Amino acid sequence: AKLFLDHKTLYYDVEPFLFYVMTEADNTGCHLVGYFSKEKNS
């Protein structure tokens, strides 16, 4: 994600977060469309 986002600073401390990953499926698998992350306790 950091390759396409200027302000992002979270890379390694991912444990407090949930990631919701959207995919588009075809006969080869579910291809990554995008995602958003969310703190477990905000």
PDB file of all heavy atoms in Angstrom:
ATOM      1  N   ALA A   1       0.823  -1.214   0.000  1.00  0.00           N
ATOM      2  CA  ALA A   1       0.000   0.000   0.000  1.00  0.00           C
ATOM      3  C   ALA A   1       0.850   1.254   0.000  1.00  0.00           C
ATOM      4  O   ALA A   1       0.501   2.254  -0.629  1.00  0.00           O
ATOM      5  CB  ALA A   1      -0.933  -0.012   1.211  1.00  0.00           C
ATOM      6  N   LYS A   2       1.998   1.223   0.682  1.00  0.00           N
ATOM      7  CA  LYS A   2       2.851   2.418   0.781  1.00  0.00           C
ATOM      8  C   LYS A   2       3.402   2.834  -0.580  1.00  0.00           C
ATOM      9  O   LYS A   2       3.733   4.011  -0.789  1.00  0.00           O
ATOM     10  CB  LYS A   2       4.011   2.170   1.758  1.00  0.00           C
ATOM     11  CG  LYS A   2       4.917   3.385   1.968  1.00  0.00           C
ATOM     12  CD  LYS A   2       4.137   4.572   2.532  1.00  0.00           C
ATOM     13  CE  LYS A   2       4.999   5.815   2.642  1.00  0.00           C
ATOM     14  NZ  LYS A   2       5.225   6.455   1.333  1.00  0.00           N
ATOM     15  N   LEU A   3       3.469   1.906  -1.522  1.00  0.00           N
ATOM     16  CA  LEU A   3       3.926   2.249  -2.872  1.00  0.00           C
ATOM     17  C   LEU A   3       2.969   3.206  -3.568  1.00  0.00           C
ATOM     18  O   LEU A   3       3.347   3.881  -4.526  1.00  0.00           O
ATOM     19  CB  LEU A   3       4.078   0.982  -3.721  1.00  0.00           C
ATOM     20  CG  LEU A   3       5.178   0.002  -3.305  1.00  0.00           C
ATOM     21  CD1 LEU A   3       5.050  -1.300  -4.083  1.00  0.00           C
ATOM     22  CD2 LEU A   3       6.562   0.612  -3.509  1.00  0.00           C
ATOM     23  N   PHE A   4       1.720   3.297  -3.057  1.00  0.00           N
ATOM     24  CA  PHE A   4       0.700   4.119  -3.709  1.00  0.00           C
ATOM     25  C   PHE A   4       0.053   5.130  -2.758  1.00  0.00           C
ATOM     26  O   PHE A   4      -0.888   5.817  -3.143  1.00  0.00           O
ATOM     27  CB  PHE A   4      -0.380   3.212  -4.318  1.00  0.00           C
ATOM     28  CG  PHE A   4       0.180   2.146  -5.222  1.00  0.00           C
ATOM     29  CD1 PHE A   4       0.278   0.827  -4.793  1.00  0.00           C
ATOM     30  CD2 PHE A   4       0.653   2.471  -6.482  1.00  0.00           C
ATOM     31  CE1 PHE A   4       0.812  -0.153  -5.606  1.00  0.00           C
ATOM     32  CE2 PHE A   4       1.200   1.494  -7.308  1.00  0.00           C
ATOM     33  CZ  PHE A   4       1.276   0.180  -6.869  1.00  0.00           C
ATOM     34  N   LEU A   5       0.550   5.208  -1.519  1.00  0.00           N
ATOM     35  CA  LEU A   5       0.027   6.168  -0.544  1.00  0.00           C
ATOM     36  C   LEU A   5       1.174   6.991   0.016  1.00  0.00           C
ATOM     37  O   LEU A   5       2.175   6.436   0.476  1.00  0.00           O
ATOM     38  CB  LEU A   5      -0.695   5.445   0.602  1.00  0.00           C
ATOM     39  CG  LEU A   5      -1.985   4.689   0.253  1.00  0.00           C
ATOM     40  CD1 LEU A   5      -2.484   3.934   1.482  1.00  0.00           C
ATOM     41  CD2 LEU A   5      -3.056   5.645  -0.257  1.00  0.00           C
ATOM     42  N   ASP A   6       1.010   8.310   0.016  1.00  0.00           N
ATOM     43  CA  ASP A   6       2.082   9.194   0.453  1.00  0.00           C
ATOM     44  C   ASP A   6       2.186   9.274   1.970  1.00  0.00           C
ATOM     45  O   ASP A   6       3.271   9.315   2.540  1.00  0.00           O
ATOM     46  CB  ASP A   6       1.846  10.599  -0.133  1.00  0.00           C
ATOM     47  CG  ASP A   6       3.005  11.535   0.154  1.00  0.00           C
ATOM     48  OD1 ASP A   6       4.117  11.035   0.406  1.00  0.00           O
ATOM     49  OD2 ASP A   6       2.807  12.758   0.122  1.00  0.00           O
ATOM     50  N   HIS A   7       1.037   9.277   2.659  1.00  0.00           N
ATOM     51  CA  HIS A   7       1.030   9.595   4.087  1.00  0.00           C
ATOM     52  C   HIS A   7       1.134   8.375   4.989  1.00  0.00           C
ATOM     53  O   HIS A   7       1.264   8.520   6.200  1.00  0.00           O
ATOM     54  CB  HIS A   7      -0.281  10.322   4.432  1.00  0.00           C
ATOM     55  CG  HIS A   7      -1.487   9.433   4.358  1.00  0.00           C
ATOM     56  ND1 HIS A   7      -2.000   8.990   3.151  1.00  0.00           N
ATOM     57  CD2 HIS A   7      -2.239   8.866   5.325  1.00  0.00           C
ATOM     58  CE1 HIS A   7      -3.039   8.212   3.398  1.00  0.00           C
ATOM     59  NE2 HIS A   7      -3.213   8.111   4.696  1.00  0.00           N
ATOM     60  N   LYS A   8       1.073   7.171   4.436  1.00  0.00           N
ATOM     61  CA  LYS A   8       0.995   5.971   5.273  1.00  0.00           C
ATOM     62  C   LYS A   8       2.284   5.765   6.065  1.00  0.00           C
ATOM     63  O   LYS A   8       3.379   5.864   5.520  1.00  0.00           O
ATOM     64  CB  LYS A   8       0.714   4.751   4.399  1.00  0.00           C
ATOM     65  CG  LYS A   8       0.521   3.482   5.217  1.00  0.00           C
ATOM     66  CD  LYS A   8       0.044   2.357   4.330  1.00  0.00           C
ATOM     67  CE  LYS A   8      -0.053   1.067   5.112  1.00  0.00           C
ATOM     68  NZ  LYS A   8      -0.956   1.153   6.246  1.00  0.00           N
ATOM     69  N   THR A   9       2.141   5.451   7.371  1.00  0.00           N
ATOM     70  CA  THR A   9       3.318   5.239   8.222  1.00  0.00           C
ATOM     71  C   THR A   9       3.315   3.869   8.900  1.00  0.00           C
ATOM     72  O   THR A   9       4.311   3.451   9.464  1.00  0.00           O
ATOM     73  CB  THR A   9       3.398   6.320   9.320  1.00  0.00           C
ATOM     74  OG1 THR A   9       2.178   6.316  10.062  1.00  0.00           O
ATOM     75  CG2 THR A   9       3.614   7.700   8.711  1.00  0.00           C
ATOM     76  N   LEU A  10       2.167   3.157   8.872  1.00  0.00           N
ATOM     77  CA  LEU A  10       2.094   1.844   9.504  1.00  0.00           C
ATOM     78  C   LEU A  10       2.621   0.774   8.552  1.00  0.00           C
ATOM     79  O   LEU A  10       2.126   0.614   7.448  1.00  0.00           O
ATOM     80  CB  LEU A  10       0.633   1.527   9.873  1.00  0.00           C
ATOM     81  CG  LEU A  10       0.348   0.077  10.303  1.00  0.00           C
ATOM     82  CD1 LEU A  10       0.998  -0.209  11.640  1.00  0.00           C
ATOM     83  CD2 LEU A  10      -1.146  -0.188  10.373  1.00  0.00           C
ATOM     84  N   TYR A  11       3.681   0.054   8.965  1.00  0.00           N
ATOM     85  CA  TYR A  11       4.202  -1.031   8.138  1.00  0.00           C
ATOM     86  C   TYR A  11       4.273  -2.349   8.909  1.00  0.00           C
ATOM     87  O   TYR A  11       3.879  -3.390   8.421  1.00  0.00           O
ATOM     88  CB  TYR A  11       5.613  -0.719   7.610  1.00  0.00           C
ATOM     89  CG  TYR A  11       5.768   0.674   7.084  1.00  0.00           C
ATOM     90  CD1 TYR A  11       6.688   1.560   7.647  1.00  0.00           C
ATOM     91  CD2 TYR A  11       4.988   1.123   6.026  1.00  0.00           C
ATOM     92  CE1 TYR A  11       6.826   2.841   7.161  1.00  0.00           C
ATOM     93  CE2 TYR A  11       5.121   2.409   5.544  1.00  0.00           C
ATOM     94  CZ  TYR A  11       6.043   3.264   6.112  1.00  0.00           C
ATOM     95  OH  TYR A  11       6.174   4.536   5.635  1.00  0.00           O
ATOM     96  N   TYR A  12       4.807  -2.297  10.112  1.00  0.00           N
ATOM     97  CA  TYR A  12       5.133  -3.532  10.821  1.00  0.00           C
ATOM     98  C   TYR A  12       4.281  -3.764  12.071  1.00  0.00           C
ATOM     99  O   TYR A  12       4.055  -4.899  12.460  1.00  0.00           O
ATOM    100  CB  TYR A  12       6.617  -3.528  11.195  1.00  0.00           C
ATOM    101  CG  TYR A  12       7.503  -3.410   9.978  1.00  0.00           C
ATOM    102  CD1 TYR A  12       8.250  -2.261   9.714  1.00  0.00           C
ATOM    103  CD2 TYR A  12       7.587  -4.464   9.054  1.00  0.00           C
ATOM    104  CE1 TYR A  12       9.048  -2.162   8.594  1.00  0.00           C
ATOM    105  CE2 TYR A  12       8.382  -4.370   7.926  1.00  0.00           C
ATOM    106  CZ  TYR A  12       9.108  -3.218   7.702  1.00  0.00           C
ATOM    107  OH  TYR A  12       9.874  -3.125   6.583  1.00  0.00           O
ATOM    108  N   ASP A  13       3.795  -2.718  12.721  1.00  0.00           N
ATOM    109  CA  ASP A  13       2.983  -2.877  13.933  1.00  0.00           C
ATOM    110  C   ASP A  13       1.524  -3.095  13.547  1.00  0.00           C
ATOM    111  O   ASP A  13       0.678  -2.216  13.698  1.00  0.00           O
ATOM    112  CB  ASP A  13       3.134  -1.637  14.825  1.00  0.00           C
ATOM    113  CG  ASP A  13       2.408  -1.803  16.150  1.00  0.00           C
ATOM    114  OD1 ASP A  13       2.188  -2.961  16.553  1.00  0.00           O
ATOM    115  OD2 ASP A  13       2.044  -0.782  16.768  1.00  0.00           O
ATOM    116  N   VAL A  14       1.234  -4.277  13.035  1.00  0.00           N
ATOM    117  CA  VAL A  14      -0.093  -4.552  12.471  1.00  0.00           C
ATOM    118  C   VAL A  14      -1.017  -5.279  13.448  1.00  0.00           C
ATOM    119  O   VAL A  14      -2.207  -5.433  13.175  1.00  0.00           O
ATOM    120  CB  VAL A  14       0.031  -5.390  11.166  1.00  0.00           C
ATOM    121  CG1 VAL A  14       0.760  -4.613  10.088  1.00  0.00           C
ATOM    122  CG2 VAL A  14       0.733  -6.718  11.445  1.00  0.00           C
ATOM    123  N   GLU A  15      -0.513  -5.715  14.577  1.00  0.00           N
ATOM    124  CA  GLU A  15      -1.302  -6.549  15.490  1.00  0.00           C
ATOM    125  C   GLU A  15      -2.558  -5.861  16.041  1.00  0.00           C
ATOM    126  O   GLU A  15      -3.575  -6.521  16.230  1.00  0.00           O
ATOM    127  CB  GLU A  15      -0.413  -7.047  16.637  1.00  0.00           C
ATOM    128  CG  GLU A  15       0.683  -7.995  16.161  1.00  0.00           C
ATOM    129  CD  GLU A  15       1.490  -8.570  17.305  1.00  0.00           C
ATOM    130  OE1 GLU A  15       1.062  -8.428  18.473  1.00  0.00           O
ATOM    131  OE2 GLU A  15       2.552  -9.162  17.039  1.00  0.00           O
ATOM    132  N   PRO A  16      -2.551  -4.536  16.300  1.00  0.00           N
ATOM    133  CA  PRO A  16      -3.772  -3.908  16.830  1.00  0.00           C
ATOM    134  C   PRO A  16      -4.847  -3.637  15.774  1.00  0.00           C
ATOM    135  O   PRO A  16      -5.864  -3.020  16.082  1.00  0.00           O
ATOM    136  CB  PRO A  16      -3.247  -2.568  17.411  1.00  0.00           C
ATOM    137  CG  PRO A  16      -1.769  -2.665  17.420  1.00  0.00           C
ATOM    138  CD  PRO A  16      -1.415  -3.596  16.317  1.00  0.00           C
ATOM    139  N   PHE A  17      -4.653  -4.105  14.548  1.00  0.00           N
ATOM    140  CA  PHE A  17      -5.551  -3.734  13.455  1.00  0.00           C
ATOM    141  C   PHE A  17      -6.233  -4.954  12.830  1.00  0.00           C
ATOM    142  O   PHE A  17      -5.698  -6.065  12.820  1.00  0.00           O
ATOM    143  CB  PHE A  17      -4.776  -2.982  12.361  1.00  0.00           C
ATOM    144  CG  PHE A  17      -4.273  -1.638  12.791  1.00  0.00           C
ATOM    145  CD1 PHE A  17      -3.050  -1.516  13.439  1.00  0.00           C
ATOM    146  CD2 PHE A  17      -5.022  -0.489  12.563  1.00  0.00           C
ATOM    147  CE1 PHE A  17      -2.576  -0.278  13.839  1.00  0.00           C
ATOM    148  CE2 PHE A  17      -4.560   0.753  12.958  1.00  0.00           C
ATOM    149  CZ  PHE A  17      -3.344   0.861  13.607  1.00  0.00           C
ATOM    150  N   LEU A  18      -7.405  -4.698  12.288  1.00  0.00           N
ATOM    151  CA  LEU A  18      -8.097  -5.636  11.418  1.00  0.00           C
ATOM    152  C   LEU A  18      -8.020  -5.094   9.993  1.00  0.00           C
ATOM    153  O   LEU A  18      -8.116  -3.878   9.776  1.00  0.00           O
ATOM    154  CB  LEU A  18      -9.560  -5.796  11.833  1.00  0.00           C
ATOM    155  CG  LEU A  18      -9.812  -6.488  13.172  1.00  0.00           C
ATOM    156  CD1 LEU A  18     -11.279  -6.334  13.573  1.00  0.00           C
ATOM    157  CD2 LEU A  18      -9.441  -7.963  13.105  1.00  0.00           C
ATOM    158  N   PHE A  19      -7.865  -5.980   9.038  1.00  0.00           N
ATOM    159  CA  PHE A  19      -7.752  -5.587   7.640  1.00  0.00           C
ATOM    160  C   PHE A  19      -8.924  -6.201   6.871  1.00  0.00           C
ATOM    161  O   PHE A  19      -9.159  -7.419   6.968  1.00  0.00           O
ATOM    162  CB  PHE A  19      -6.420  -6.057   7.053  1.00  0.00           C
ATOM    163  CG  PHE A  19      -5.223  -5.388   7.665  1.00  0.00           C
ATOM    164  CD1 PHE A  19      -4.739  -5.797   8.899  1.00  0.00           C
ATOM    165  CD2 PHE A  19      -4.584  -4.341   7.022  1.00  0.00           C
ATOM    166  CE1 PHE A  19      -3.648  -5.181   9.485  1.00  0.00           C
ATOM    167  CE2 PHE A  19      -3.484  -3.728   7.589  1.00  0.00           C
ATOM    168  CZ  PHE A  19      -3.017  -4.138   8.827  1.00  0.00           C
ATOM    169  N   TYR A  20      -9.634  -5.351   6.144  1.00  0.00           N
ATOM    170  CA  TYR A  20     -10.783  -5.814   5.359  1.00  0.00           C
ATOM    171  C   TYR A  20     -10.383  -5.739   3.881  1.00  0.00           C
ATOM    172  O   TYR A  20     -10.256  -4.649   3.312  1.00  0.00           O
ATOM    173  CB  TYR A  20     -12.014  -4.973   5.676  1.00  0.00           C
ATOM    174  CG  TYR A  20     -12.465  -5.175   7.101  1.00  0.00           C
ATOM    175  CD1 TYR A  20     -11.972  -4.371   8.132  1.00  0.00           C
ATOM    176  CD2 TYR A  20     -13.338  -6.207   7.439  1.00  0.00           C
ATOM    177  CE1 TYR A  20     -12.347  -4.581   9.452  1.00  0.00           C
ATOM    178  CE2 TYR A  20     -13.725  -6.423   8.751  1.00  0.00           C
ATOM    179  CZ  TYR A  20     -13.223  -5.606   9.757  1.00  0.00           C
ATOM    180  OH  TYR A  20     -13.595  -5.833  11.061  1.00  0.00           O
ATOM    181  N   VAL A  21     -10.152  -6.912   3.295  1.00  0.00           N
ATOM    182  CA  VAL A  21      -9.567  -7.023   1.958  1.00  0.00           C
ATOM    183  C   VAL A  21     -10.645  -7.386   0.954  1.00  0.00           C
ATOM    184  O   VAL A  21     -11.290  -8.434   1.064  1.00  0.00           O
ATOM    185  CB  VAL A  21      -8.445  -8.084   1.947  1.00  0.00           C
ATOM    186  CG1 VAL A  21      -7.768  -8.116   0.576  1.00  0.00           C
ATOM    187  CG2 VAL A  21      -7.423  -7.810   3.047  1.00  0.00           C
ATOM    188  N   MET A  22     -10.844  -6.512  -0.031  1.00  0.00           N
ATOM    189  CA  MET A  22     -11.838  -6.757  -1.079  1.00  0.00           C
ATOM    190  C   MET A  22     -11.166  -7.425  -2.270  1.00  0.00           C
ATOM    191  O   MET A  22     -10.076  -7.023  -2.691  1.00  0.00           O
ATOM    192  CB  MET A  22     -12.490  -5.443  -1.515  1.00  0.00           C
ATOM    193  CG  MET A  22     -13.553  -5.609  -2.588  1.00  0.00           C
ATOM    194  SD  MET A  22     -14.413  -4.063  -2.992  1.00  0.00           S
ATOM    195  CE  MET A  22     -15.454  -3.895  -1.533  1.00  0.00           C
ATOM    196  N   THR A  23     -11.827  -8.454  -2.821  1.00  0.00           N
ATOM    197  CA  THR A  23     -11.267  -9.178  -3.957  1.00  0.00           C
ATOM    198  C   THR A  23     -12.311  -9.343  -5.051  1.00  0.00           C
ATOM    199  O   THR A  23     -13.515  -9.251  -4.802  1.00  0.00           O
ATOM    200  CB  THR A  23     -10.777 -10.580  -3.538  1.00  0.00           C
ATOM    201  OG1 THR A  23     -11.897 -11.358  -3.099  1.00  0.00           O
ATOM    202  CG2 THR A  23      -9.748 -10.500  -2.435  1.00  0.00           C
ATOM    203  N   GLU A  24     -11.819  -9.594  -6.246  1.00  0.00           N
ATOM    204  CA  GLU A  24     -12.669  -9.910  -7.395  1.00  0.00           C
ATOM    205  C   GLU A  24     -12.267 -11.299  -7.880  1.00  0.00           C
ATOM    206  O   GLU A  24     -11.094 -11.538  -8.194  1.00  0.00           O
ATOM    207  CB  GLU A  24     -12.474  -8.870  -8.500  1.00  0.00           C
ATOM    208  CG  GLU A  24     -13.427  -9.020  -9.670  1.00  0.00           C
ATOM    209  CD  GLU A  24     -13.213  -7.940 -10.718  1.00  0.00           C
ATOM    210  OE1 GLU A  24     -12.154  -7.966 -11.379  1.00  0.00           O
ATOM    211  OE2 GLU A  24     -14.089  -7.074 -10.874  1.00  0.00           O
ATOM    212  N   ALA A  25     -13.223 -12.203  -7.940  1.00  0.00           N
ATOM    213  CA  ALA A  25     -12.912 -13.605  -8.221  1.00  0.00           C
ATOM    214  C   ALA A  25     -13.094 -13.955  -9.695  1.00  0.00           C
ATOM    215  O   ALA A  25     -13.969 -13.426 -10.377  1.00  0.00           O
ATOM    216  CB  ALA A  25     -13.789 -14.517  -7.364  1.00  0.00           C
ATOM    217  N   ASP A  26     -12.234 -14.845 -10.181  1.00  0.00           N
ATOM    218  CA  ASP A  26     -12.424 -15.505 -11.475  1.00  0.00           C
ATOM    219  C   ASP A  26     -11.965 -16.950 -11.314  1.00  0.00           C
ATOM    220  O   ASP A  26     -11.780 -17.423 -10.193  1.00  0.00           O
ATOM    221  CB  ASP A  26     -11.690 -14.768 -12.603  1.00  0.00           C
ATOM    222  CG  ASP A  26     -10.179 -14.697 -12.378  1.00  0.00           C
ATOM    223  OD1 ASP A  26      -9.658 -15.485 -11.560  1.00  0.00           O
ATOM    224  OD2 ASP A  26      -9.517 -13.859 -13.013  1.00  0.00           O
ATOM    225  N   ASN A  27     -11.755 -17.646 -12.416  1.00  0.00           N
ATOM    226  CA  ASN A  27     -11.429 -19.075 -12.300  1.00  0.00           C
ATOM    227  C   ASN A  27     -10.004 -19.328 -11.822  1.00  0.00           C
ATOM    228  O   ASN A  27      -9.620 -20.480 -11.598  1.00  0.00           O
ATOM    229  CB  ASN A  27     -11.662 -19.784 -13.647  1.00  0.00           C
ATOM    230  CG  ASN A  27     -10.864 -19.142 -14.772  1.00  0.00           C
ATOM    231  OD1 ASN A  27     -10.108 -18.198 -14.567  1.00  0.00           O
ATOM    232  ND2 ASN A  27     -11.038 -19.667 -15.972  1.00  0.00           N
ATOM    233  N   THR A  28      -9.196 -18.283 -11.648  1.00  0.00           N
ATOM    234  CA  THR A  28      -7.822 -18.470 -11.156  1.00  0.00           C
ATOM    235  C   THR A  28      -7.683 -18.128  -9.678  1.00  0.00           C
ATOM    236  O   THR A  28      -6.671 -18.433  -9.062  1.00  0.00           O
ATOM    237  CB  THR A  28      -6.820 -17.610 -11.957  1.00  0.00           C
ATOM    238  OG1 THR A  28      -7.126 -16.219 -11.779  1.00  0.00           O
ATOM    239  CG2 THR A  28      -6.878 -17.959 -13.435  1.00  0.00           C
ATOM    240  N   GLY A  29      -8.681 -17.446  -9.091  1.00  0.00           N
ATOM    241  CA  GLY A  29      -8.596 -17.093  -7.677  1.00  0.00           C
ATOM    242  C   GLY A  29      -9.246 -15.752  -7.396  1.00  0.00           C
ATOM    243  O   GLY A  29      -9.916 -15.169  -8.257  1.00  0.00           O
ATOM    244  N   CYS A  30      -9.046 -15.272  -6.169  1.00  0.00           N
ATOM    245  CA  CYS A  30      -9.603 -13.989  -5.724  1.00  0.00           C
ATOM    246  C   CYS A  30      -8.524 -12.918  -5.808  1.00  0.00           C
ATOM    247  O   CYS A  30      -7.556 -12.946  -5.044  1.00  0.00           O
ATOM    248  CB  CYS A  30     -10.124 -14.100  -4.289  1.00  0.00           C
ATOM    249  SG  CYS A  30     -11.490 -15.260  -4.107  1.00  0.00           S
ATOM    250  N   HIS A  31      -8.681 -11.969  -6.719  1.00  0.00           N
ATOM    251  CA  HIS A  31      -7.648 -10.971  -6.987  1.00  0.00           C
ATOM    252  C   HIS A  31      -7.865  -9.721  -6.141  1.00  0.00           C
ATOM    253  O   HIS A  31      -8.995  -9.218  -6.025  1.00  0.00           O
ATOM    254  CB  HIS A  31      -7.669 -10.606  -8.477  1.00  0.00           C
ATOM    255  CG  HIS A  31      -7.538 -11.803  -9.370  1.00  0.00           C
ATOM    256  ND1 HIS A  31      -6.328 -12.401  -9.642  1.00  0.00           N
ATOM    257  CD2 HIS A  31      -8.472 -12.535 -10.025  1.00  0.00           C
ATOM    258  CE1 HIS A  31      -6.513 -13.437 -10.439  1.00  0.00           C
ATOM    259  NE2 HIS A  31      -7.810 -13.537 -10.690  1.00  0.00           N
ATOM    260  N   LEU A  32      -6.783  -9.215  -5.569  1.00  0.00           N
ATOM    261  CA  LEU A  32      -6.838  -8.070  -4.672  1.00  0.00           C
ATOM    262  C   LEU A  32      -7.313  -6.815  -5.403  1.00  0.00           C
ATOM    263  O   LEU A  32      -6.696  -6.384  -6.380  1.00  0.00           O
ATOM    264  CB  LEU A  32      -5.455  -7.818  -4.064  1.00  0.00           C
ATOM    265  CG  LEU A  32      -5.305  -6.591  -3.175  1.00  0.00           C
ATOM    266  CD1 LEU A  32      -6.162  -6.735  -1.913  1.00  0.00           C
ATOM    267  CD2 LEU A  32      -3.835  -6.382  -2.795  1.00  0.00           C
ATOM    268  N   VAL A  33      -8.416  -6.246  -4.941  1.00  0.00           N
ATOM    269  CA  VAL A  33      -8.968  -5.007  -5.491  1.00  0.00           C
ATOM    270  C   VAL A  33      -8.549  -3.816  -4.629  1.00  0.00           C
ATOM    271  O   VAL A  33      -8.152  -2.765  -5.129  1.00  0.00           O
ATOM    272  CB  VAL A  33     -10.508  -5.075  -5.566  1.00  0.00           C
ATOM    273  CG1 VAL A  33     -11.099  -3.711  -5.908  1.00  0.00           C
ATOM    274  CG2 VAL A  33     -10.936  -6.104  -6.593  1.00  0.00           C
ATOM    275  N   GLY A  34      -8.633  -3.980  -3.322  1.00  0.00           N
ATOM    276  CA  GLY A  34      -8.275  -2.918  -2.387  1.00  0.00           C
ATOM    277  C   GLY A  34      -8.537  -3.389  -0.968  1.00  0.00           C
ATOM    278  O   GLY A  34      -8.944  -4.537  -0.740  1.00  0.00           O
ATOM    279  N   TYR A  35      -8.303  -2.508  -0.012  1.00  0.00           N
ATOM    280  CA  TYR A  35      -8.533  -2.877   1.383  1.00  0.00           C
ATOM    281  C   TYR A  35      -8.657  -1.629   2.231  1.00  0.00           C
ATOM    282  O   TYR A  35      -8.312  -0.524   1.802  1.00  0.00           O
ATOM    283  CB  TYR A  35      -7.383  -3.742   1.916  1.00  0.00           C
ATOM    284  CG  TYR A  35      -6.202  -2.948   2.422  1.00  0.00           C
ATOM    285  CD1 TYR A  35      -6.029  -2.716   3.798  1.00  0.00           C
ATOM    286  CD2 TYR A  35      -5.256  -2.389   1.552  1.00  0.00           C
ATOM    287  CE1 TYR A  35      -4.957  -1.974   4.274  1.00  0.00           C
ATOM    288  CE2 TYR A  35      -4.193  -1.654   2.021  1.00  0.00           C
ATOM    289  CZ  TYR A  35      -4.041  -1.446   3.386  1.00  0.00           C
ATOM    290  OH  TYR A  35      -2.997  -0.698   3.858  1.00  0.00           O
ATOM    291  N   PHE A  36      -9.166  -1.791   3.448  1.00  0.00           N
ATOM    292  CA  PHE A  36      -9.012  -0.753   4.463  1.00  0.00           C
ATOM    293  C   PHE A  36      -8.686  -1.428   5.782  1.00  0.00           C
ATOM    294  O   PHE A  36      -9.076  -2.582   6.032  1.00  0.00           O
ATOM    295  CB  PHE A  36     -10.259   0.138   4.579  1.00  0.00           C
ATOM    296  CG  PHE A  36     -11.500  -0.540   5.081  1.00  0.00           C
ATOM    297  CD1 PHE A  36     -11.777  -0.632   6.445  1.00  0.00           C
ATOM    298  CD2 PHE A  36     -12.419  -1.082   4.186  1.00  0.00           C
ATOM    299  CE1 PHE A  36     -12.931  -1.246   6.904  1.00  0.00           C
ATOM    300  CE2 PHE A  36     -13.587  -1.699   4.640  1.00  0.00           C
ATOM    301  CZ  PHE A  36     -13.834  -1.787   5.999  1.00  0.00           C
ATOM    302  N   SER A  37      -7.925  -0.737   6.604  1.00  0.00           N
ATOM    303  CA  SER A  37      -7.578  -1.245   7.926  1.00  0.00           C
ATOM    304  C   SER A  37      -8.354  -0.471   8.973  1.00  0.00           C
ATOM    305  O   SER A  37      -8.798   0.667   8.735  1.00  0.00           O
ATOM    306  CB  SER A  37      -6.073  -1.123   8.176  1.00  0.00           C
ATOM    307  OG  SER A  37      -5.653   0.224   8.081  1.00  0.00           O
ATOM    308  N   LYS A  38      -8.490  -1.086  10.133  1.00  0.00           N
ATOM    309  CA  LYS A  38      -9.318  -0.497  11.184  1.00  0.00           C
ATOM    310  C   LYS A  38      -8.774  -0.944  12.540  1.00  0.00           C
ATOM    311  O   LYS A  38      -8.471  -2.125  12.736  1.00  0.00           O
ATOM    312  CB  LYS A  38     -10.762  -0.986  10.995  1.00  0.00           C
ATOM    313  CG  LYS A  38     -11.748  -0.565  12.056  1.00  0.00           C
ATOM    314  CD  LYS A  38     -13.107  -1.177  11.725  1.00  0.00           C
ATOM    315  CE  LYS A  38     -14.148  -0.859  12.783  1.00  0.00           C
ATOM    316  NZ  LYS A  38     -15.458  -1.455  12.476  1.00  0.00           N
ATOM    317  N   GLU A  39      -8.628   0.004  13.449  1.00  0.00           N
ATOM    318  CA  GLU A  39      -8.174  -0.343  14.798  1.00  0.00           C
ATOM    319  C   GLU A  39      -9.207  -1.214  15.498  1.00  0.00           C
ATOM    320  O   GLU A  39     -10.410  -0.973  15.402  1.00  0.00           O
ATOM    321  CB  GLU A  39      -7.948   0.923  15.626  1.00  0.00           C
ATOM    322  CG  GLU A  39      -6.615   1.607  15.388  1.00  0.00           C
ATOM    323  CD  GLU A  39      -6.384   2.725  16.377  1.00  0.00           C
ATOM    324  OE1 GLU A  39      -6.891   3.836  16.141  1.00  0.00           O
ATOM    325  OE2 GLU A  39      -5.701   2.480  17.401  1.00  0.00           O
ATOM    326  N   LYS A  40      -8.725  -2.221  16.221  1.00  0.00           N
ATOM    327  CA  LYS A  40      -9.649  -3.080  16.961  1.00  0.00           C
ATOM    328  C   LYS A  40     -10.367  -2.293  18.055  1.00  0.00           C
ATOM    329  O   LYS A  40     -11.545  -2.523  18.332  1.00  0.00           O
ATOM    330  CB  LYS A  40      -8.882  -4.260  17.567  1.00  0.00           C
ATOM    331  CG  LYS A  40      -8.296  -5.203  16.523  1.00  0.00           C
ATOM    332  CD  LYS A  40      -7.424  -6.265  17.170  1.00  0.00           C
ATOM    333  CE  LYS A  40      -6.784  -7.158  16.117  1.00  0.00           C
ATOM    334  NZ  LYS A  40      -5.850  -8.141  16.717  1.00  0.00           N
ATOM    335  N   ASN A  41      -9.652  -1.380  18.688  1.00  0.00           N
ATOM    336  CA  ASN A  41     -10.239  -0.525  19.722  1.00  0.00           C
ATOM    337  C   ASN A  41      -9.841   0.912  19.442  1.00  0.00           C
ATOM    338  O   ASN A  41      -8.740   1.336  19.803  1.00  0.00           O
ATOM    339  CB  ASN A  41      -9.764  -0.949  21.117  1.00  0.00           C
ATOM    340  CG  ASN A  41     -10.256  -2.325  21.505  1.00  0.00           C
ATOM    341  OD1 ASN A  41     -11.453  -2.566  21.589  1.00  0.00           O
ATOM    342  ND2 ASN A  41      -9.325  -3.251  21.714  1.00  0.00           N
ATOM    343  N   SER A  42     -10.706   1.653  18.778  1.00  0.00           N
ATOM    344  CA  SER A  42     -10.412   3.039  18.427  1.00  0.00           C
ATOM    345  C   SER A  42     -11.059   3.974  19.447  1.00  0.00           C
ATOM    346  O   SER A  42     -12.286   3.998  19.601  1.00  0.00           O
ATOM    347  CB  SER A  42     -10.923   3.361  17.025  1.00  0.00           C
ATOM    348  OG  SER A  42     -10.744   4.730  16.733  1.00  0.00           O
TER     349      SER A  42
END
